[in-house]
Amino acid sequence: MADKIINPLIAIFVGIALLYFIWGVIEFLAQAGNEEAKTTGKKHMIWGIIGMAIMLGVGGIIKILQSFFEPGVGIGGGFLT
């Protein structure tokens, strides 16, 4: 189930967070003279990084849970064998 539904969603959300980060970089560089715009750009970059970290963490947790609960996968052959 996770391979067909959740993994593509995680990839989409990581992409959105990456675009948000890139938007912050562009905003930061384009408005070099405006301190308020630079601060906004910094915030966008930080939230983009946080978003990517959260989604990649969720992906890792899902992989760990899959290897734990699916029979024949991972160490010990799964929990429900």
C-alpha atoms as a PDB file:
ATOM      1  CA  MET A   1       0.000   0.000   0.000  1.00  0.00           C
ATOM      2  CA  ALA A   2       2.695   2.484   0.935  1.00  0.00           C
ATOM      3  CA  ASP A   3       4.522   1.957  -2.341  1.00  0.00           C
ATOM      4  CA  LYS A   4       1.476   2.920  -4.382  1.00  0.00           C
ATOM      5  CA  ILE A   5      -0.045   5.745  -2.327  1.00  0.00           C
ATOM      6  CA  ILE A   6       2.178   7.115   0.411  1.00  0.00           C
ATOM      7  CA  ASN A   7       5.573   7.127  -1.330  1.00  0.00           C
ATOM      8  CA  PRO A   8       4.352   9.245  -4.274  1.00  0.00           C
ATOM      9  CA  LEU A   9       2.712  11.650  -1.813  1.00  0.00           C
ATOM     10  CA  ILE A  10       5.962  11.964   0.123  1.00  0.00           C
ATOM     11  CA  ALA A  11       7.824  12.673  -3.124  1.00  0.00           C
ATOM     12  CA  ILE A  12       5.266  15.350  -4.046  1.00  0.00           C
ATOM     13  CA  PHE A  13       5.526  17.033  -0.641  1.00  0.00           C
ATOM     14  CA  VAL A  14       9.338  16.940  -0.732  1.00  0.00           C
ATOM     15  CA  GLY A  15       9.131  18.587  -4.158  1.00  0.00           C
ATOM     16  CA  ILE A  16       6.801  21.267  -2.816  1.00  0.00           C
ATOM     17  CA  ALA A  17       9.152  21.923   0.111  1.00  0.00           C
ATOM     18  CA  LEU A  18      12.084  22.119  -2.309  1.00  0.00           C
ATOM     19  CA  LEU A  19      10.229  24.660  -4.453  1.00  0.00           C
ATOM     20  CA  TYR A  20       9.419  26.657  -1.309  1.00  0.00           C
ATOM     21  CA  PHE A  21      13.123  26.620  -0.391  1.00  0.00           C
ATOM     22  CA  ILE A  22      14.147  27.712  -3.900  1.00  0.00           C
ATOM     23  CA  TRP A  23      11.526  30.471  -3.791  1.00  0.00           C
ATOM     24  CA  GLY A  24      13.114  31.688  -0.543  1.00  0.00           C
ATOM     25  CA  VAL A  25      16.590  31.662  -2.102  1.00  0.00           C
ATOM     26  CA  ILE A  26      15.380  33.644  -5.109  1.00  0.00           C
ATOM     27  CA  GLU A  27      13.545  36.075  -2.842  1.00  0.00           C
ATOM     28  CA  PHE A  28      16.630  36.480  -0.653  1.00  0.00           C
ATOM     29  CA  LEU A  29      18.961  37.122  -3.596  1.00  0.00           C
ATOM     30  CA  ALA A  30      16.605  39.309  -5.628  1.00  0.00           C
ATOM     31  CA  GLN A  31      15.851  41.658  -2.744  1.00  0.00           C
ATOM     32  CA  ALA A  32      19.415  42.094  -1.462  1.00  0.00           C
ATOM     33  CA  GLY A  33      18.811  45.760  -0.552  1.00  0.00           C
ATOM     34  CA  ASN A  34      15.525  45.219   1.268  1.00  0.00           C
ATOM     35  CA  GLU A  35      16.040  43.790   4.758  1.00  0.00           C
ATOM     36  CA  GLU A  36      12.360  42.881   5.213  1.00  0.00           C
ATOM     37  CA  ALA A  37      12.319  40.870   1.971  1.00  0.00           C
ATOM     38  CA  LYS A  38      15.619  39.209   2.912  1.00  0.00           C
ATOM     39  CA  THR A  39      14.120  38.167   6.264  1.00  0.00           C
ATOM     40  CA  THR A  40      11.080  36.748   4.500  1.00  0.00           C
ATOM     41  CA  GLY A  41      13.364  34.860   2.114  1.00  0.00           C
ATOM     42  CA  LYS A  42      15.305  33.423   5.047  1.00  0.00           C
ATOM     43  CA  LYS A  43      12.056  32.251   6.652  1.00  0.00           C
ATOM     44  CA  HIS A  44      10.984  30.568   3.426  1.00  0.00           C
ATOM     45  CA  MET A  45      14.341  28.800   3.152  1.00  0.00           C
ATOM     46  CA  ILE A  46      14.173  27.593   6.756  1.00  0.00           C
ATOM     47  CA  TRP A  47      10.597  26.315   6.417  1.00  0.00           C
ATOM     48  CA  GLY A  48      11.501  24.621   3.132  1.00  0.00           C
ATOM     49  CA  ILE A  49      14.352  22.771   4.824  1.00  0.00           C
ATOM     50  CA  ILE A  50      12.113  21.848   7.771  1.00  0.00           C
ATOM     51  CA  GLY A  51       9.438  20.573   5.389  1.00  0.00           C
ATOM     52  CA  MET A  52      11.927  18.425   3.482  1.00  0.00           C
ATOM     53  CA  ALA A  53      13.363  17.025   6.709  1.00  0.00           C
ATOM     54  CA  ILE A  54       9.918  16.141   8.036  1.00  0.00           C
ATOM     55  CA  MET A  55       8.850  14.408   4.829  1.00  0.00           C
ATOM     56  CA  LEU A  56      12.107  12.482   4.508  1.00  0.00           C
ATOM     57  CA  GLY A  57      11.763  11.469   8.165  1.00  0.00           C
ATOM     58  CA  VAL A  58       8.222  10.260   7.529  1.00  0.00           C
ATOM     59  CA  GLY A  59       9.497   8.258   4.559  1.00  0.00           C
ATOM     60  CA  GLY A  60      12.165   6.654   6.738  1.00  0.00           C
ATOM     61  CA  ILE A  61       9.686   5.801   9.480  1.00  0.00           C
ATOM     62  CA  ILE A  62       7.358   4.221   6.923  1.00  0.00           C
ATOM     63  CA  LYS A  63      10.222   2.107   5.538  1.00  0.00           C
ATOM     64  CA  ILE A  64      11.094   0.940   9.062  1.00  0.00           C
ATOM     65  CA  LEU A  65       7.474   0.056   9.819  1.00  0.00           C
ATOM     66  CA  GLN A  66       7.141  -1.760   6.502  1.00  0.00           C
ATOM     67  CA  SER A  67      10.196  -3.877   7.205  1.00  0.00           C
ATOM     68  CA  PHE A  68       8.889  -4.628  10.691  1.00  0.00           C
ATOM     69  CA  PHE A  69       5.315  -5.590   9.816  1.00  0.00           C
ATOM     70  CA  GLU A  70       5.565  -7.145   6.342  1.00  0.00           C
ATOM     71  CA  PRO A  71       6.300 -10.874   6.401  1.00  0.00           C
ATOM     72  CA  GLY A  72       9.480 -11.958   4.681  1.00  0.00           C
ATOM     73  CA  VAL A  73      10.948  -8.445   4.578  1.00  0.00           C
ATOM     74  CA  GLY A  74      13.699  -7.126   6.802  1.00  0.00           C
ATOM     75  CA  ILE A  75      15.332  -8.638   9.853  1.00  0.00           C
ATOM     76  CA  GLY A  76      13.493 -11.505  11.512  1.00  0.00           C
ATOM     77  CA  GLY A  77      11.046 -12.102   8.673  1.00  0.00           C
ATOM     78  CA  GLY A  78       8.468  -9.597   9.909  1.00  0.00           C
ATOM     79  CA  PHE A  79       6.303  -9.313  12.963  1.00  0.00           C
ATOM     80  CA  LEU A  80       3.170 -11.039  11.712  1.00  0.00           C
ATOM     81  CA  THR A  81       4.651 -14.205  10.206  1.00  0.00           C
END
